[in-house]
């Protein structure tokens, strides 16, 4: 009886480990880095759109490098989105009250992907919260556009350049 219990526990541990290994084989990340500018001169409290930027995905190559194809992709979600002020070096995010980022493409509607309702004072780096939106069709396409909406809490006297580091988690069946 003790041997049966021991064998059952070992078998369960083996199955759990095998499932984790399979999940690792089917999951990979796509990293993107882009820069956008918040221009000076917007009134306080205004919800301003920053210039949208288009990202070419090169997804076929990315999928091929990860031993899968677009039609085998099961799930894509935003895993991380971090904003960093690059210019001017002395600036922080105190000028922002809140910020939202949206994704769209020629074939897909615009969807909010990340946000921060309250920007912490003194920060030069912001980690936005993901909406966990399903992004498969955006990432599988040739390109997509990211648009930013930001509410200003104090006057912006000079243009501010911000780098967006995005990481998408992709789950797909192998070839």
Protein backbone atom coordinates (compact mmCIF):
# COMPACT_ATOMS: atom_id res chain seq x y z
CA UNK A 1 0.00 0.00 0.00
CA UNK A 2 2.84 2.40 0.88
CA UNK A 3 4.56 1.52 -2.40
CA UNK A 4 1.40 2.32 -4.35
CA UNK A 5 1.09 5.69 -2.63
CA UNK A 6 4.76 6.46 -3.28
CA UNK A 7 4.40 5.49 -6.95
CA UNK A 8 1.27 7.63 -7.29
CA UNK A 9 3.05 10.66 -5.79
CA UNK A 10 6.07 10.15 -8.06
CA UNK A 11 3.86 9.75 -11.13
CA UNK A 12 1.96 12.94 -10.27
CA UNK A 13 5.24 14.84 -9.82
CA UNK A 14 6.51 13.53 -13.15
CA UNK A 15 3.33 14.57 -14.98
CA UNK A 16 3.39 18.06 -13.42
CA UNK A 17 7.05 18.53 -14.42
CA UNK A 18 6.36 17.31 -17.97
CA UNK A 19 3.43 19.74 -18.33
CA UNK A 20 5.63 22.66 -17.21
CA UNK A 21 8.29 21.66 -19.78
CA UNK A 22 5.66 21.51 -22.54
CA UNK A 23 4.32 24.96 -21.55
CA UNK A 24 7.87 26.35 -21.75
CA UNK A 25 8.24 24.98 -25.27
CA UNK A 26 5.03 26.66 -26.39
CA UNK A 27 5.56 30.08 -24.82
CA UNK A 28 7.94 32.82 -25.95
CA UNK A 29 8.18 36.63 -25.75
CA UNK A 30 8.32 39.39 -28.34
CA UNK A 31 10.13 42.53 -27.21
CA UNK A 32 9.44 45.92 -28.81
CA UNK A 33 10.97 49.31 -28.06
CA UNK A 34 9.58 52.56 -29.45
CA UNK A 35 9.87 56.26 -28.69
CA UNK A 36 7.15 58.93 -28.68
CA UNK A 37 6.92 62.61 -27.75
CA UNK A 38 4.53 64.58 -25.57
CA UNK A 39 4.64 68.09 -26.98
CA UNK A 40 4.67 71.23 -24.85
CA UNK A 41 1.78 73.66 -24.62
CA UNK A 42 -1.20 71.48 -23.66
CA UNK A 43 -3.62 72.92 -21.07
CA UNK A 44 -3.90 71.41 -17.59
CA UNK A 45 -6.40 68.58 -17.26
CA UNK A 46 -6.52 68.03 -21.02
CA UNK A 47 -6.51 64.47 -22.27
CA UNK A 48 -3.92 64.76 -25.01
CA UNK A 49 -3.09 62.24 -27.68
CA UNK A 50 0.60 61.74 -28.36
CA UNK A 51 1.61 61.07 -31.94
CA UNK A 52 0.74 57.45 -32.82
CA UNK A 53 3.59 55.25 -33.98
CA UNK A 54 3.43 52.23 -36.25
CA UNK A 55 5.42 49.10 -35.47
CA UNK A 56 6.35 46.62 -38.19
CA UNK A 57 6.01 43.21 -36.58
CA UNK A 58 8.25 40.91 -38.63
CA UNK A 59 6.03 38.27 -37.01
CA UNK A 60 6.59 35.53 -39.61
CA UNK A 61 10.32 35.60 -38.88
CA UNK A 62 9.71 35.70 -35.11
CA UNK A 63 7.32 32.75 -35.28
CA UNK A 64 9.74 30.80 -37.49
CA UNK A 65 12.60 31.43 -35.03
CA UNK A 66 10.37 30.02 -32.28
CA UNK A 67 9.41 26.96 -34.34
CA UNK A 68 5.78 27.91 -34.97
CA UNK A 69 3.59 29.77 -37.51
CA UNK A 70 0.99 32.53 -37.23
CA UNK A 71 -1.92 30.11 -37.66
CA UNK A 72 -0.62 28.07 -34.68
CA UNK A 73 -0.60 31.05 -32.29
CA UNK A 74 -3.18 30.50 -29.56
CA UNK A 75 -2.78 33.52 -27.32
CA UNK A 76 -0.91 36.83 -27.24
CA UNK A 77 -1.08 39.30 -24.36
CA UNK A 78 0.89 42.29 -23.15
CA UNK A 79 3.24 40.96 -20.48
CA UNK A 80 5.05 44.21 -19.61
CA UNK A 81 4.94 47.86 -20.62
CA UNK A 82 7.44 50.27 -19.13
CA UNK A 83 7.81 53.98 -19.97
CA UNK A 84 11.08 55.85 -19.42
CA UNK A 85 11.77 59.55 -19.98
CA UNK A 86 14.78 59.93 -22.27
CA UNK A 87 14.70 63.72 -22.90
CA UNK A 88 15.10 66.05 -21.13
CA UNK A 89 17.24 64.10 -18.67
CA UNK A 90 16.09 66.26 -15.72
CA UNK A 91 12.37 65.58 -16.32
CA UNK A 92 10.16 63.17 -14.35
CA UNK A 93 6.55 62.09 -14.82
CA UNK A 94 5.12 64.67 -12.38
CA UNK A 95 3.45 66.43 -15.35
CA UNK A 96 1.15 63.40 -15.85
CA UNK A 97 -1.99 62.62 -13.93
CA UNK A 98 -2.83 59.41 -15.84
CA UNK A 99 -1.90 57.62 -19.07
CA UNK A 100 -3.43 55.01 -21.39
CA UNK A 101 -2.00 53.12 -24.39
CA UNK A 102 -4.06 51.69 -27.26
CA UNK A 103 -3.28 49.27 -30.10
CA UNK A 104 -4.92 49.13 -33.54
CA UNK A 105 -4.26 47.81 -37.03
CA UNK A 106 -5.79 48.09 -40.49
CA UNK A 107 -7.88 44.97 -39.89
CA UNK A 108 -8.52 45.25 -36.14
CA UNK A 109 -10.30 47.88 -34.01
CA UNK A 110 -8.51 49.98 -31.42
CA UNK A 111 -8.19 48.33 -27.99
CA UNK A 112 -6.77 49.71 -24.73
CA UNK A 113 -3.74 47.58 -23.76
CA UNK A 114 -2.23 49.38 -20.75
CA UNK A 115 -2.90 52.21 -18.33
CA UNK A 116 -1.90 53.91 -15.11
CA UNK A 117 -4.68 55.77 -13.31
CA UNK A 118 -2.41 57.56 -10.82
CA UNK A 119 1.13 58.44 -11.80
CA UNK A 120 3.47 58.33 -8.76
CA UNK A 121 5.30 61.59 -8.00
CA UNK A 122 9.01 61.84 -8.81
CA UNK A 123 9.08 58.79 -11.11
CA UNK A 124 11.26 58.69 -14.21
CA UNK A 125 10.10 55.16 -15.06
CA UNK A 126 6.46 53.99 -15.10
CA UNK A 127 5.26 50.40 -15.13
CA UNK A 128 1.81 50.39 -16.68
CA UNK A 129 -0.91 47.88 -15.86
CA UNK A 130 -1.91 45.54 -18.68
CA UNK A 131 -5.58 45.18 -19.57
CA UNK A 132 -4.84 41.55 -20.57
CA UNK A 133 -6.54 42.20 -23.91
CA UNK A 134 -6.30 39.41 -26.48
CA UNK A 135 -3.74 40.66 -29.02
CA UNK A 136 -3.27 37.66 -31.35
CA UNK A 137 -4.51 39.32 -34.54
CA UNK A 138 -2.46 42.49 -33.95
CA UNK A 139 0.83 40.64 -33.46
CA UNK A 140 0.19 38.18 -36.30
CA UNK A 141 -0.29 41.03 -38.78
CA UNK A 142 2.36 42.94 -40.70
CA UNK A 143 2.15 45.99 -38.43
CA UNK A 144 0.16 47.67 -35.70
CA UNK A 145 -0.15 51.18 -34.31
CA UNK A 146 0.27 52.29 -30.70
CA UNK A 147 -1.52 55.45 -29.60
CA UNK A 148 -1.14 57.21 -26.25
CA UNK A 149 -3.62 59.32 -24.29
CA UNK A 150 -2.27 61.25 -21.34
CA UNK A 151 -3.93 63.62 -18.87
CA UNK A 152 -1.64 66.52 -17.95
CA UNK A 153 -1.51 67.62 -14.27
CA UNK A 154 0.97 70.53 -14.64
CA UNK A 155 2.18 72.63 -17.57
CA UNK A 156 4.57 71.00 -20.03
CA UNK A 157 7.05 73.71 -20.99
CA UNK A 158 9.23 71.63 -23.31
CA UNK A 159 8.76 68.53 -25.47
CA UNK A 160 9.26 65.28 -23.53
CA UNK A 161 10.56 62.16 -25.25
CA UNK A 162 9.50 58.82 -23.76
CA UNK A 163 10.76 55.33 -24.56
CA UNK A 164 8.19 52.53 -24.39
CA UNK A 165 9.51 49.02 -23.68
CA UNK A 166 6.83 46.44 -24.45
CA UNK A 167 6.93 42.67 -24.01
CA UNK A 168 4.24 40.42 -25.46
CA UNK A 169 3.74 36.86 -24.20
CA UNK A 170 2.96 34.46 -27.05
CA UNK A 171 1.58 30.95 -26.63
CA UNK A 172 1.54 28.76 -29.74
CA UNK A 173 1.54 25.16 -30.90
CA UNK A 174 4.91 23.98 -32.22
CA UNK A 175 5.40 23.00 -35.87
